[in-house]
């Protein structure tokens, strides 16, 4: 895609914005499937994709680029679709992590001291 608008968005967000989010989502789904297949607890602190809010992008980060006047620009509809889809996917992945965690548990990295023993 070519055009000033798409170049401005790419520069503002960085070309890896959606690619990195997709890679994180695939990694989490792979961890979840492995944990279920092996019936082993999930690792703690699983990274999750960033919740991309189209509204936050419009209101705070780049209000000029995402104004309604650009709806006819090359790539606007693709960007809007990706932003909305990314947000929905993030919500579903968070829910999947919760469900899998309830089934197989999570590794506990805390130190448990036996209070009965003298140190």
PDB file of N, CA and C in Angstrom:
ATOM      1  N   UNK A   1       0.836  -1.176   0.000  1.00  0.00           N
ATOM      2  CA  UNK A   1       0.000   0.000   0.000  1.00  0.00           C
ATOM      3  C   UNK A   1       0.883   1.242   0.000  1.00  0.00           C
ATOM      4  N   UNK A   2       0.428   2.209  -0.710  1.00  0.00           N
ATOM      5  CA  UNK A   2       1.178   3.454  -0.792  1.00  0.00           C
ATOM      6  C   UNK A   2       0.286   4.608  -0.379  1.00  0.00           C
ATOM      7  N   UNK A   3       0.899   5.728  -0.111  1.00  0.00           N
ATOM      8  CA  UNK A   3       0.157   6.932   0.261  1.00  0.00           C
ATOM      9  C   UNK A   3       0.734   7.553   1.503  1.00  0.00           C
ATOM     10  N   UNK A   4       0.469   8.853   1.664  1.00  0.00           N
ATOM     11  CA  UNK A   4       0.991   9.583   2.819  1.00  0.00           C
ATOM     12  C   UNK A   4       0.405   9.082   4.129  1.00  0.00           C
ATOM     13  N   UNK A   5      -0.885   8.769   4.103  1.00  0.00           N
ATOM     14  CA  UNK A   5      -1.543   8.367   5.336  1.00  0.00           C
ATOM     15  C   UNK A   5      -0.932   7.081   5.893  1.00  0.00           C
ATOM     16  N   UNK A   6      -0.798   6.079   5.049  1.00  0.00           N
ATOM     17  CA  UNK A   6      -0.261   4.797   5.517  1.00  0.00           C
ATOM     18  C   UNK A   6       1.190   4.942   5.968  1.00  0.00           C
ATOM     19  N   UNK A   7       1.941   5.819   5.331  1.00  0.00           N
ATOM     20  CA  UNK A   7       3.317   6.065   5.761  1.00  0.00           C
ATOM     21  C   UNK A   7       3.355   6.739   7.127  1.00  0.00           C
ATOM     22  N   UNK A   8       2.429   7.680   7.372  1.00  0.00           N
ATOM     23  CA  UNK A   8       2.366   8.354   8.676  1.00  0.00           C
ATOM     24  C   UNK A   8       2.021   7.370   9.789  1.00  0.00           C
ATOM     25  N   UNK A   9       1.064   6.483   9.538  1.00  0.00           N
ATOM     26  CA  UNK A   9       0.673   5.492  10.542  1.00  0.00           C
ATOM     27  C   UNK A   9       1.827   4.543  10.823  1.00  0.00           C
ATOM     28  N   UNK A  10       2.489   4.088   9.770  1.00  0.00           N
ATOM     29  CA  UNK A  10       3.614   3.171   9.937  1.00  0.00           C
ATOM     30  C   UNK A  10       4.725   3.822  10.740  1.00  0.00           C
ATOM     31  N   UNK A  11       4.997   5.080  10.491  1.00  0.00           N
ATOM     32  CA  UNK A  11       6.032   5.777  11.247  1.00  0.00           C
ATOM     33  C   UNK A  11       5.614   5.992  12.701  1.00  0.00           C
ATOM     34  N   UNK A  12       4.348   6.296  12.918  1.00  0.00           N
ATOM     35  CA  UNK A  12       3.873   6.569  14.279  1.00  0.00           C
ATOM     36  C   UNK A  12       3.883   5.304  15.139  1.00  0.00           C
ATOM     37  N   UNK A  13       3.423   4.197  14.596  1.00  0.00           N
ATOM     38  CA  UNK A  13       3.332   2.956  15.366  1.00  0.00           C
ATOM     39  C   UNK A  13       4.574   2.087  15.244  1.00  0.00           C
ATOM     40  N   UNK A  14       5.279   2.222  14.160  1.00  0.00           N
ATOM     41  CA  UNK A  14       6.410   1.343  13.887  1.00  0.00           C
ATOM     42  C   UNK A  14       5.933   0.176  13.034  1.00  0.00           C
ATOM     43  N   UNK A  15       6.723  -0.255  12.086  1.00  0.00           N
ATOM     44  CA  UNK A  15       6.287  -1.309  11.176  1.00  0.00           C
ATOM     45  C   UNK A  15       6.056  -2.651  11.855  1.00  0.00           C
ATOM     46  N   UNK A  16       6.640  -2.859  13.028  1.00  0.00           N
ATOM     47  CA  UNK A  16       6.500  -4.147  13.711  1.00  0.00           C
ATOM     48  C   UNK A  16       5.336  -4.190  14.690  1.00  0.00           C
ATOM     49  N   UNK A  17       4.510  -3.144  14.730  1.00  0.00           N
ATOM     50  CA  UNK A  17       3.453  -3.035  15.732  1.00  0.00           C
ATOM     51  C   UNK A  17       2.529  -4.250  15.729  1.00  0.00           C
ATOM     52  N   UNK A  18       1.897  -4.547  14.612  1.00  0.00           N
ATOM     53  CA  UNK A  18       0.962  -5.666  14.562  1.00  0.00           C
ATOM     54  C   UNK A  18       1.684  -6.999  14.449  1.00  0.00           C
ATOM     55  N   UNK A  19       2.854  -7.016  13.844  1.00  0.00           N
ATOM     56  CA  UNK A  19       3.612  -8.256  13.726  1.00  0.00           C
ATOM     57  C   UNK A  19       4.024  -8.765  15.103  1.00  0.00           C
ATOM     58  N   UNK A  20       4.532  -7.887  15.955  1.00  0.00           N
ATOM     59  CA  UNK A  20       4.966  -8.325  17.281  1.00  0.00           C
ATOM     60  C   UNK A  20       3.782  -8.795  18.114  1.00  0.00           C
ATOM     61  N   UNK A  21       2.636  -8.153  17.980  1.00  0.00           N
ATOM     62  CA  UNK A  21       1.448  -8.583  18.709  1.00  0.00           C
ATOM     63  C   UNK A  21       1.003  -9.968  18.257  1.00  0.00           C
ATOM     64  N   UNK A  22       1.084 -10.234  16.962  1.00  0.00           N
ATOM     65  CA  UNK A  22       0.705 -11.538  16.435  1.00  0.00           C
ATOM     66  C   UNK A  22       1.660 -12.619  16.931  1.00  0.00           C
ATOM     67  N   UNK A  23       2.946 -12.311  16.993  1.00  0.00           N
ATOM     68  CA  UNK A  23       3.918 -13.282  17.477  1.00  0.00           C
ATOM     69  C   UNK A  23       3.694 -13.616  18.945  1.00  0.00           C
ATOM     70  N   UNK A  24       3.377 -12.628  19.748  1.00  0.00           N
ATOM     71  CA  UNK A  24       3.087 -12.876  21.166  1.00  0.00           C
ATOM     72  C   UNK A  24       1.846 -13.740  21.297  1.00  0.00           C
ATOM     73  N   UNK A  25       0.812 -13.448  20.522  1.00  0.00           N
ATOM     74  CA  UNK A  25      -0.426 -14.233  20.577  1.00  0.00           C
ATOM     75  C   UNK A  25      -0.166 -15.688  20.205  1.00  0.00           C
ATOM     76  N   UNK A  26       0.595 -15.914  19.146  1.00  0.00           N
ATOM     77  CA  UNK A  26       0.903 -17.285  18.734  1.00  0.00           C
ATOM     78  C   UNK A  26       1.746 -18.007  19.777  1.00  0.00           C
ATOM     79  N   UNK A  27       2.666 -17.307  20.401  1.00  0.00           N
ATOM     80  CA  UNK A  27       3.493 -17.909  21.450  1.00  0.00           C
ATOM     81  C   UNK A  27       2.628 -18.341  22.631  1.00  0.00           C
ATOM     82  N   UNK A  28       1.721 -17.475  23.061  1.00  0.00           N
ATOM     83  CA  UNK A  28       0.845 -17.815  24.190  1.00  0.00           C
ATOM     84  C   UNK A  28      -0.035 -19.002  23.848  1.00  0.00           C
ATOM     85  N   UNK A  29      -0.599 -19.019  22.646  1.00  0.00           N
ATOM     86  CA  UNK A  29      -1.443 -20.150  22.246  1.00  0.00           C
ATOM     87  C   UNK A  29      -0.638 -21.447  22.193  1.00  0.00           C
ATOM     88  N   UNK A  30       0.596 -21.379  21.768  1.00  0.00           N
ATOM     89  CA  UNK A  30       1.463 -22.548  21.731  1.00  0.00           C
ATOM     90  C   UNK A  30       1.751 -23.052  23.149  1.00  0.00           C
ATOM     91  N   UNK A  31       2.015 -22.143  24.082  1.00  0.00           N
ATOM     92  CA  UNK A  31       2.247 -22.514  25.478  1.00  0.00           C
ATOM     93  C   UNK A  31       1.003 -23.172  26.061  1.00  0.00           C
ATOM     94  N   UNK A  32      -0.157 -22.602  25.771  1.00  0.00           N
ATOM     95  CA  UNK A  32      -1.405 -23.163  26.285  1.00  0.00           C
ATOM     96  C   UNK A  32      -1.649 -24.569  25.753  1.00  0.00           C
ATOM     97  N   UNK A  33      -1.434 -24.760  24.464  1.00  0.00           N
ATOM     98  CA  UNK A  33      -1.686 -26.090  23.889  1.00  0.00           C
ATOM     99  C   UNK A  33      -0.687 -27.111  24.430  1.00  0.00           C
ATOM    100  N   UNK A  34       0.564 -26.713  24.599  1.00  0.00           N
ATOM    101  CA  UNK A  34       1.553 -27.625  25.167  1.00  0.00           C
ATOM    102  C   UNK A  34       1.225 -28.003  26.598  1.00  0.00           C
ATOM    103  N   UNK A  35       0.784 -27.026  27.369  1.00  0.00           N
ATOM    104  CA  UNK A  35       0.428 -27.278  28.755  1.00  0.00           C
ATOM    105  C   UNK A  35      -0.760 -28.234  28.852  1.00  0.00           C
ATOM    106  N   UNK A  36      -1.738 -28.051  27.992  1.00  0.00           N
ATOM    107  CA  UNK A  36      -2.894 -28.950  27.981  1.00  0.00           C
ATOM    108  C   UNK A  36      -2.508 -30.347  27.511  1.00  0.00           C
ATOM    109  N   UNK A  37      -1.697 -30.431  26.465  1.00  0.00           N
ATOM    110  CA  UNK A  37      -1.313 -31.732  25.916  1.00  0.00           C
ATOM    111  C   UNK A  37      -0.495 -32.547  26.915  1.00  0.00           C
ATOM    112  N   UNK A  38       0.371 -31.867  27.677  1.00  0.00           N
ATOM    113  CA  UNK A  38       1.236 -32.560  28.623  1.00  0.00           C
ATOM    114  C   UNK A  38       0.667 -32.604  30.034  1.00  0.00           C
ATOM    115  N   UNK A  39      -0.477 -31.950  30.222  1.00  0.00           N
ATOM    116  CA  UNK A  39      -1.104 -31.839  31.539  1.00  0.00           C
ATOM    117  C   UNK A  39      -0.092 -31.315  32.564  1.00  0.00           C
ATOM    118  N   UNK A  40       0.588 -30.244  32.177  1.00  0.00           N
ATOM    119  CA  UNK A  40       1.572 -29.633  33.063  1.00  0.00           C
ATOM    120  C   UNK A  40       1.149 -28.196  33.358  1.00  0.00           C
ATOM    121  N   UNK A  41       1.516 -27.701  34.530  1.00  0.00           N
ATOM    122  CA  UNK A  41       1.099 -26.344  34.896  1.00  0.00           C
ATOM    123  C   UNK A  41       1.705 -25.276  33.989  1.00  0.00           C
ATOM    124  N   UNK A  42       0.999 -24.189  33.878  1.00  0.00           N
ATOM    125  CA  UNK A  42       1.477 -23.063  33.075  1.00  0.00           C
ATOM    126  C   UNK A  42       2.635 -22.374  33.776  1.00  0.00           C
ATOM    127  N   UNK A  43       3.549 -21.803  33.010  1.00  0.00           N
ATOM    128  CA  UNK A  43       4.589 -20.991  33.644  1.00  0.00           C
ATOM    129  C   UNK A  43       3.979 -19.694  34.170  1.00  0.00           C
ATOM    130  N   UNK A  44       4.557 -19.136  35.220  1.00  0.00           N
ATOM    131  CA  UNK A  44       4.030 -17.859  35.709  1.00  0.00           C
ATOM    132  C   UNK A  44       4.426 -16.728  34.777  1.00  0.00           C
ATOM    133  N   UNK A  45       3.736 -15.658  34.879  1.00  0.00           N
ATOM    134  CA  UNK A  45       4.050 -14.431  34.138  1.00  0.00           C
ATOM    135  C   UNK A  45       4.047 -14.622  32.627  1.00  0.00           C
ATOM    136  N   UNK A  46       3.005 -15.199  32.095  1.00  0.00           N
ATOM    137  CA  UNK A  46       2.897 -15.364  30.646  1.00  0.00           C
ATOM    138  C   UNK A  46       2.655 -13.993  30.029  1.00  0.00           C
ATOM    139  N   UNK A  47       3.487 -13.639  29.071  1.00  0.00           N
ATOM    140  CA  UNK A  47       3.307 -12.368  28.357  1.00  0.00           C
ATOM    141  C   UNK A  47       2.055 -12.462  27.500  1.00  0.00           C
ATOM    142  N   UNK A  48       1.292 -11.404  27.475  1.00  0.00           N
ATOM    143  CA  UNK A  48       0.081 -11.389  26.671  1.00  0.00           C
ATOM    144  C   UNK A  48       0.132 -10.209  25.717  1.00  0.00           C
ATOM    145  N   UNK A  49      -0.540 -10.345  24.567  1.00  0.00           N
ATOM    146  CA  UNK A  49      -0.525  -9.241  23.608  1.00  0.00           C
ATOM    147  C   UNK A  49      -1.072  -7.966  24.230  1.00  0.00           C
ATOM    148  N   UNK A  50      -0.554  -6.841  23.782  1.00  0.00           N
ATOM    149  CA  UNK A  50      -1.035  -5.554  24.282  1.00  0.00           C
ATOM    150  C   UNK A  50      -2.469  -5.346  23.820  1.00  0.00           C
ATOM    151  N   UNK A  51      -3.278  -4.793  24.684  1.00  0.00           N
ATOM    152  CA  UNK A  51      -4.659  -4.494  24.330  1.00  0.00           C
ATOM    153  C   UNK A  51      -4.664  -3.213  23.499  1.00  0.00           C
ATOM    154  N   UNK A  52      -4.805  -3.367  22.201  1.00  0.00           N
ATOM    155  CA  UNK A  52      -4.773  -2.228  21.286  1.00  0.00           C
ATOM    156  C   UNK A  52      -6.176  -1.626  21.221  1.00  0.00           C
ATOM    157  N   UNK A  53      -6.328  -0.466  21.763  1.00  0.00           N
ATOM    158  CA  UNK A  53      -7.620   0.194  21.739  1.00  0.00           C
ATOM    159  C   UNK A  53      -7.634   1.238  20.624  1.00  0.00           C
ATOM    160  N   UNK A  54      -8.476   1.002  19.660  1.00  0.00           N
ATOM    161  CA  UNK A  54      -8.609   1.935  18.550  1.00  0.00           C
ATOM    162  C   UNK A  54      -9.034   3.305  19.069  1.00  0.00           C
ATOM    163  N   UNK A  55      -9.893   3.316  20.086  1.00  0.00           N
ATOM    164  CA  UNK A  55     -10.354   4.581  20.660  1.00  0.00           C
ATOM    165  C   UNK A  55      -9.204   5.360  21.289  1.00  0.00           C
ATOM    166  N   UNK A  56      -8.310   4.652  21.985  1.00  0.00           N
ATOM    167  CA  UNK A  56      -7.151   5.326  22.592  1.00  0.00           C
ATOM    168  C   UNK A  56      -6.245   5.875  21.506  1.00  0.00           C
ATOM    169  N   UNK A  57      -6.046   5.098  20.436  1.00  0.00           N
ATOM    170  CA  UNK A  57      -5.229   5.590  19.330  1.00  0.00           C
ATOM    171  C   UNK A  57      -5.833   6.843  18.720  1.00  0.00           C
ATOM    172  N   UNK A  58      -7.148   6.840  18.552  1.00  0.00           N
ATOM    173  CA  UNK A  58      -7.832   7.986  17.942  1.00  0.00           C
ATOM    174  C   UNK A  58      -7.773   9.203  18.854  1.00  0.00           C
ATOM    175  N   UNK A  59      -8.033   8.998  20.135  1.00  0.00           N
ATOM    176  CA  UNK A  59      -8.144  10.135  21.058  1.00  0.00           C
ATOM    177  C   UNK A  59      -6.793  10.683  21.516  1.00  0.00           C
ATOM    178  N   UNK A  60      -5.806   9.805  21.725  1.00  0.00           N
ATOM    179  CA  UNK A  60      -4.583  10.257  22.384  1.00  0.00           C
ATOM    180  C   UNK A  60      -3.345  10.213  21.504  1.00  0.00           C
ATOM    181  N   UNK A  61      -3.084   9.085  20.895  1.00  0.00           N
ATOM    182  CA  UNK A  61      -1.787   8.930  20.234  1.00  0.00           C
ATOM    183  C   UNK A  61      -1.697   9.610  18.880  1.00  0.00           C
ATOM    184  N   UNK A  62      -2.742   9.489  18.083  1.00  0.00           N
ATOM    185  CA  UNK A  62      -2.678  10.072  16.741  1.00  0.00           C
ATOM    186  C   UNK A  62      -4.048  10.513  16.262  1.00  0.00           C
ATOM    187  N   UNK A  63      -4.628  11.518  16.906  1.00  0.00           N
ATOM    188  CA  UNK A  63      -5.975  11.949  16.539  1.00  0.00           C
ATOM    189  C   UNK A  63      -6.064  12.499  15.114  1.00  0.00           C
ATOM    190  N   UNK A  64      -5.017  13.136  14.630  1.00  0.00           N
ATOM    191  CA  UNK A  64      -5.087  13.709  13.279  1.00  0.00           C
ATOM    192  C   UNK A  64      -5.100  12.616  12.213  1.00  0.00           C
ATOM    193  N   UNK A  65      -4.236  11.604  12.380  1.00  0.00           N
ATOM    194  CA  UNK A  65      -4.128  10.550  11.382  1.00  0.00           C
ATOM    195  C   UNK A  65      -5.367   9.666  11.328  1.00  0.00           C
ATOM    196  N   UNK A  66      -6.047   9.484  12.477  1.00  0.00           N
ATOM    197  CA  UNK A  66      -7.195   8.590  12.525  1.00  0.00           C
ATOM    198  C   UNK A  66      -8.532   9.327  12.528  1.00  0.00           C
ATOM    199  N   UNK A  67      -8.532  10.574  12.107  1.00  0.00           N
ATOM    200  CA  UNK A  67      -9.775  11.332  12.010  1.00  0.00           C
ATOM    201  C   UNK A  67     -10.651  10.746  10.905  1.00  0.00           C
ATOM    202  N   UNK A  68     -11.932  10.949  11.005  1.00  0.00           N
ATOM    203  CA  UNK A  68     -12.898  10.380  10.065  1.00  0.00           C
ATOM    204  C   UNK A  68     -12.673  10.860   8.636  1.00  0.00           C
ATOM    205  N   UNK A  69     -12.042  11.988   8.457  1.00  0.00           N
ATOM    206  CA  UNK A  69     -11.789  12.503   7.111  1.00  0.00           C
ATOM    207  C   UNK A  69     -10.847  11.603   6.318  1.00  0.00           C
ATOM    208  N   UNK A  70     -10.106  10.733   6.995  1.00  0.00           N
ATOM    209  CA  UNK A  70      -9.167   9.840   6.311  1.00  0.00           C
ATOM    210  C   UNK A  70      -9.776   8.485   5.967  1.00  0.00           C
ATOM    211  N   UNK A  71     -11.066   8.313   6.181  1.00  0.00           N
ATOM    212  CA  UNK A  71     -11.693   7.014   5.968  1.00  0.00           C
ATOM    213  C   UNK A  71     -11.533   6.523   4.532  1.00  0.00           C
ATOM    214  N   UNK A  72     -11.383   7.409   3.588  1.00  0.00           N
ATOM    215  CA  UNK A  72     -11.195   7.014   2.200  1.00  0.00           C
ATOM    216  C   UNK A  72      -9.748   6.764   1.810  1.00  0.00           C
ATOM    217  N   UNK A  73      -8.831   7.004   2.735  1.00  0.00           N
ATOM    218  CA  UNK A  73      -7.401   6.834   2.444  1.00  0.00           C
ATOM    219  C   UNK A  73      -7.062   5.358   2.249  1.00  0.00           C
ATOM    220  N   UNK A  74      -6.029   5.136   1.472  1.00  0.00           N
ATOM    221  CA  UNK A  74      -5.540   3.796   1.203  1.00  0.00           C
ATOM    222  C   UNK A  74      -5.033   3.168   2.504  1.00  0.00           C
ATOM    223  N   UNK A  75      -5.644   2.092   2.933  1.00  0.00           N
ATOM    224  CA  UNK A  75      -5.207   1.377   4.122  1.00  0.00           C
ATOM    225  C   UNK A  75      -5.975   1.683   5.387  1.00  0.00           C
ATOM    226  N   UNK A  76      -6.836   2.705   5.386  1.00  0.00           N
ATOM    227  CA  UNK A  76      -7.558   3.066   6.611  1.00  0.00           C
ATOM    228  C   UNK A  76      -8.445   1.928   7.091  1.00  0.00           C
ATOM    229  N   UNK A  77      -9.213   1.340   6.191  1.00  0.00           N
ATOM    230  CA  UNK A  77     -10.128   0.263   6.590  1.00  0.00           C
ATOM    231  C   UNK A  77      -9.353  -0.970   7.051  1.00  0.00           C
ATOM    232  N   UNK A  78      -8.210  -1.236   6.420  1.00  0.00           N
ATOM    233  CA  UNK A  78      -7.382  -2.364   6.839  1.00  0.00           C
ATOM    234  C   UNK A  78      -6.856  -2.123   8.249  1.00  0.00           C
ATOM    235  N   UNK A  79      -6.372  -0.914   8.499  1.00  0.00           N
ATOM    236  CA  UNK A  79      -5.850  -0.588   9.819  1.00  0.00           C
ATOM    237  C   UNK A  79      -6.945  -0.687  10.879  1.00  0.00           C
ATOM    238  N   UNK A  80      -8.116  -0.138  10.591  1.00  0.00           N
ATOM    239  CA  UNK A  80      -9.214  -0.182  11.556  1.00  0.00           C
ATOM    240  C   UNK A  80      -9.616  -1.627  11.850  1.00  0.00           C
ATOM    241  N   UNK A  81      -9.678  -2.457  10.831  1.00  0.00           N
ATOM    242  CA  UNK A  81     -10.028  -3.862  11.009  1.00  0.00           C
ATOM    243  C   UNK A  81      -8.984  -4.577  11.854  1.00  0.00           C
ATOM    244  N   UNK A  82      -7.720  -4.328  11.585  1.00  0.00           N
ATOM    245  CA  UNK A  82      -6.653  -4.946  12.372  1.00  0.00           C
ATOM    246  C   UNK A  82      -6.693  -4.495  13.828  1.00  0.00           C
ATOM    247  N   UNK A  83      -6.955  -3.230  14.064  1.00  0.00           N
ATOM    248  CA  UNK A  83      -7.004  -2.710  15.430  1.00  0.00           C
ATOM    249  C   UNK A  83      -8.153  -3.344  16.220  1.00  0.00           C
ATOM    250  N   UNK A  84      -9.322  -3.422  15.606  1.00  0.00           N
ATOM    251  CA  UNK A  84     -10.476  -4.021  16.286  1.00  0.00           C
ATOM    252  C   UNK A  84     -10.243  -5.515  16.489  1.00  0.00           C
ATOM    253  N   UNK A  85      -9.741  -6.198  15.473  1.00  0.00           N
ATOM    254  CA  UNK A  85      -9.481  -7.636  15.579  1.00  0.00           C
ATOM    255  C   UNK A  85      -8.449  -7.929  16.658  1.00  0.00           C
ATOM    256  N   UNK A  86      -7.397  -7.128  16.721  1.00  0.00           N
ATOM    257  CA  UNK A  86      -6.355  -7.329  17.732  1.00  0.00           C
ATOM    258  C   UNK A  86      -6.925  -7.207  19.136  1.00  0.00           C
ATOM    259  N   UNK A  87      -7.813  -6.266  19.325  1.00  0.00           N
ATOM    260  CA  UNK A  87      -8.412  -6.096  20.656  1.00  0.00           C
ATOM    261  C   UNK A  87      -9.279  -7.299  21.030  1.00  0.00           C
ATOM    262  N   UNK A  88     -10.067  -7.791  20.090  1.00  0.00           N
ATOM    263  CA  UNK A  88     -10.914  -8.955  20.359  1.00  0.00           C
ATOM    264  C   UNK A  88     -10.073 -10.206  20.598  1.00  0.00           C
ATOM    265  N   UNK A  89      -9.021 -10.368  19.830  1.00  0.00           N
ATOM    266  CA  UNK A  89      -8.136 -11.521  19.999  1.00  0.00           C
ATOM    267  C   UNK A  89      -7.471 -11.481  21.364  1.00  0.00           C
ATOM    268  N   UNK A  90      -7.037 -10.310  21.789  1.00  0.00           N
ATOM    269  CA  UNK A  90      -6.400 -10.172  23.100  1.00  0.00           C
ATOM    270  C   UNK A  90      -7.350 -10.582  24.212  1.00  0.00           C
ATOM    271  N   UNK A  91      -8.595 -10.161  24.126  1.00  0.00           N
ATOM    272  CA  UNK A  91      -9.586 -10.549  25.137  1.00  0.00           C
ATOM    273  C   UNK A  91      -9.770 -12.059  25.181  1.00  0.00           C
ATOM    274  N   UNK A  92      -9.832 -12.698  24.018  1.00  0.00           N
ATOM    275  CA  UNK A  92     -10.027 -14.142  23.966  1.00  0.00           C
ATOM    276  C   UNK A  92      -8.808 -14.891  24.495  1.00  0.00           C
ATOM    277  N   UNK A  93      -7.618 -14.385  24.213  1.00  0.00           N
ATOM    278  CA  UNK A  93      -6.409 -15.040  24.710  1.00  0.00           C
ATOM    279  C   UNK A  93      -6.341 -14.946  26.231  1.00  0.00           C
ATOM    280  N   UNK A  94      -6.684 -13.804  26.783  1.00  0.00           N
ATOM    281  CA  UNK A  94      -6.705 -13.653  28.240  1.00  0.00           C
ATOM    282  C   UNK A  94      -7.680 -14.646  28.854  1.00  0.00           C
ATOM    283  N   UNK A  95      -8.829 -14.804  28.238  1.00  0.00           N
ATOM    284  CA  UNK A  95      -9.832 -15.763  28.728  1.00  0.00           C
ATOM    285  C   UNK A  95      -9.314 -17.196  28.614  1.00  0.00           C
ATOM    286  N   UNK A  96      -8.645 -17.527  27.500  1.00  0.00           N
ATOM    287  CA  UNK A  96      -8.078 -18.865  27.325  1.00  0.00           C
ATOM    288  C   UNK A  96      -7.025 -19.168  28.381  1.00  0.00           C
ATOM    289  N   UNK A  97      -6.184 -18.186  28.686  1.00  0.00           N
ATOM    290  CA  UNK A  97      -5.156 -18.373  29.717  1.00  0.00           C
ATOM    291  C   UNK A  97      -5.829 -18.668  31.060  1.00  0.00           C
ATOM    292  N   UNK A  98      -6.880 -17.941  31.386  1.00  0.00           N
ATOM    293  CA  UNK A  98      -7.594 -18.171  32.647  1.00  0.00           C
ATOM    294  C   UNK A  98      -8.190 -19.570  32.689  1.00  0.00           C
ATOM    295  N   UNK A  99      -8.788 -20.009  31.590  1.00  0.00           N
ATOM    296  CA  UNK A  99      -9.406 -21.333  31.554  1.00  0.00           C
ATOM    297  C   UNK A  99      -8.368 -22.447  31.660  1.00  0.00           C
ATOM    298  N   UNK A 100      -7.280 -22.322  30.927  1.00  0.00           N
ATOM    299  CA  UNK A 100      -6.239 -23.349  30.988  1.00  0.00           C
ATOM    300  C   UNK A 100      -5.596 -23.365  32.368  1.00  0.00           C
ATOM    301  N   UNK A 101      -5.379 -22.183  32.949  1.00  0.00           N
ATOM    302  CA  UNK A 101      -4.814 -22.109  34.299  1.00  0.00           C
ATOM    303  C   UNK A 101      -5.728 -22.807  35.309  1.00  0.00           C
ATOM    304  N   UNK A 102      -7.037 -22.671  35.130  1.00  0.00           N
ATOM    305  CA  UNK A 102      -7.963 -23.341  36.046  1.00  0.00           C
ATOM    306  C   UNK A 102      -7.935 -24.857  35.869  1.00  0.00           C
ATOM    307  N   UNK A 103      -7.561 -25.326  34.686  1.00  0.00           N
ATOM    308  CA  UNK A 103      -7.502 -26.772  34.436  1.00  0.00           C
ATOM    309  C   UNK A 103      -6.185 -27.399  34.892  1.00  0.00           C
ATOM    310  N   UNK A 104      -5.069 -26.769  34.584  1.00  0.00           N
ATOM    311  CA  UNK A 104      -3.766 -27.391  34.849  1.00  0.00           C
ATOM    312  C   UNK A 104      -2.966 -26.696  35.939  1.00  0.00           C
ATOM    313  N   UNK A 105      -3.387 -25.531  36.361  1.00  0.00           N
ATOM    314  CA  UNK A 105      -2.670 -24.810  37.406  1.00  0.00           C
ATOM    315  C   UNK A 105      -1.541 -23.964  36.857  1.00  0.00           C
ATOM    316  N   UNK A 106      -0.755 -23.437  37.771  1.00  0.00           N
ATOM    317  CA  UNK A 106       0.364 -22.568  37.421  1.00  0.00           C
ATOM    318  C   UNK A 106       1.539 -22.908  38.331  1.00  0.00           C
ATOM    319  N   UNK A 107       2.735 -22.875  37.787  1.00  0.00           N
ATOM    320  CA  UNK A 107       3.929 -23.150  38.577  1.00  0.00           C
ATOM    321  C   UNK A 107       4.068 -22.078  39.648  1.00  0.00           C
ATOM    322  N   UNK A 108       4.282 -22.507  40.871  1.00  0.00           N
ATOM    323  CA  UNK A 108       4.456 -21.584  41.986  1.00  0.00           C
ATOM    324  C   UNK A 108       5.946 -21.420  42.245  1.00  0.00           C
ATOM    325  N   UNK A 109       6.450 -20.228  42.040  1.00  0.00           N
ATOM    326  CA  UNK A 109       7.869 -19.965  42.245  1.00  0.00           C
ATOM    327  C   UNK A 109       8.175 -19.376  43.619  1.00  0.00           C
ATOM    328  N   UNK A 110       7.158 -19.321  44.468  1.00  0.00           N
ATOM    329  CA  UNK A 110       7.362 -18.756  45.801  1.00  0.00           C
ATOM    330  C   UNK A 110       8.138 -19.708  46.692  1.00  0.00           C
ATOM    331  N   UNK A 111       8.847 -19.138  47.618  1.00  0.00           N
ATOM    332  CA  UNK A 111       9.595 -19.930  48.577  1.00  0.00           C
ATOM    333  C   UNK A 111       8.707 -20.190  49.784  1.00  0.00           C
ATOM    334  N   UNK A 112       8.580 -21.454  50.123  1.00  0.00           N
ATOM    335  CA  UNK A 112       7.764 -21.826  51.273  1.00  0.00           C
ATOM    336  C   UNK A 112       8.686 -22.355  52.364  1.00  0.00           C
ATOM    337  N   UNK A 113       8.705 -21.654  53.477  1.00  0.00           N
ATOM    338  CA  UNK A 113       9.522 -22.059  54.604  1.00  0.00           C
ATOM    339  C   UNK A 113       8.651 -22.813  55.600  1.00  0.00           C
ATOM    340  N   UNK A 114       9.189 -23.876  56.095  1.00  0.00           N
ATOM    341  CA  UNK A 114       8.477 -24.629  57.127  1.00  0.00           C
ATOM    342  C   UNK A 114       8.693 -23.908  58.451  1.00  0.00           C
ATOM    343  N   UNK A 115       7.624 -23.344  58.978  1.00  0.00           N
ATOM    344  CA  UNK A 115       7.746 -22.543  60.204  1.00  0.00           C
ATOM    345  C   UNK A 115       8.082 -23.376  61.426  1.00  0.00           C
ATOM    346  N   UNK A 116       7.891 -24.671  61.344  1.00  0.00           N
ATOM    347  CA  UNK A 116       8.158 -25.540  62.502  1.00  0.00           C
ATOM    348  C   UNK A 116       9.653 -25.793  62.680  1.00  0.00           C
ATOM    349  N   UNK A 117      10.401 -25.660  61.598  1.00  0.00           N
ATOM    350  CA  UNK A 117      11.833 -25.918  61.684  1.00  0.00           C
ATOM    351  C   UNK A 117      12.541 -24.688  62.237  1.00  0.00           C
ATOM    352  N   UNK A 118      13.558 -24.928  63.019  1.00  0.00           N
ATOM    353  CA  UNK A 118      14.388 -23.821  63.533  1.00  0.00           C
ATOM    354  C   UNK A 118      15.404 -23.470  62.462  1.00  0.00           C
ATOM    355  N   UNK A 119      15.578 -22.197  62.239  1.00  0.00           N
ATOM    356  CA  UNK A 119      16.540 -21.747  61.235  1.00  0.00           C
ATOM    357  C   UNK A 119      17.870 -21.517  61.825  1.00  0.00           C
TER     358      UNK A 119
END
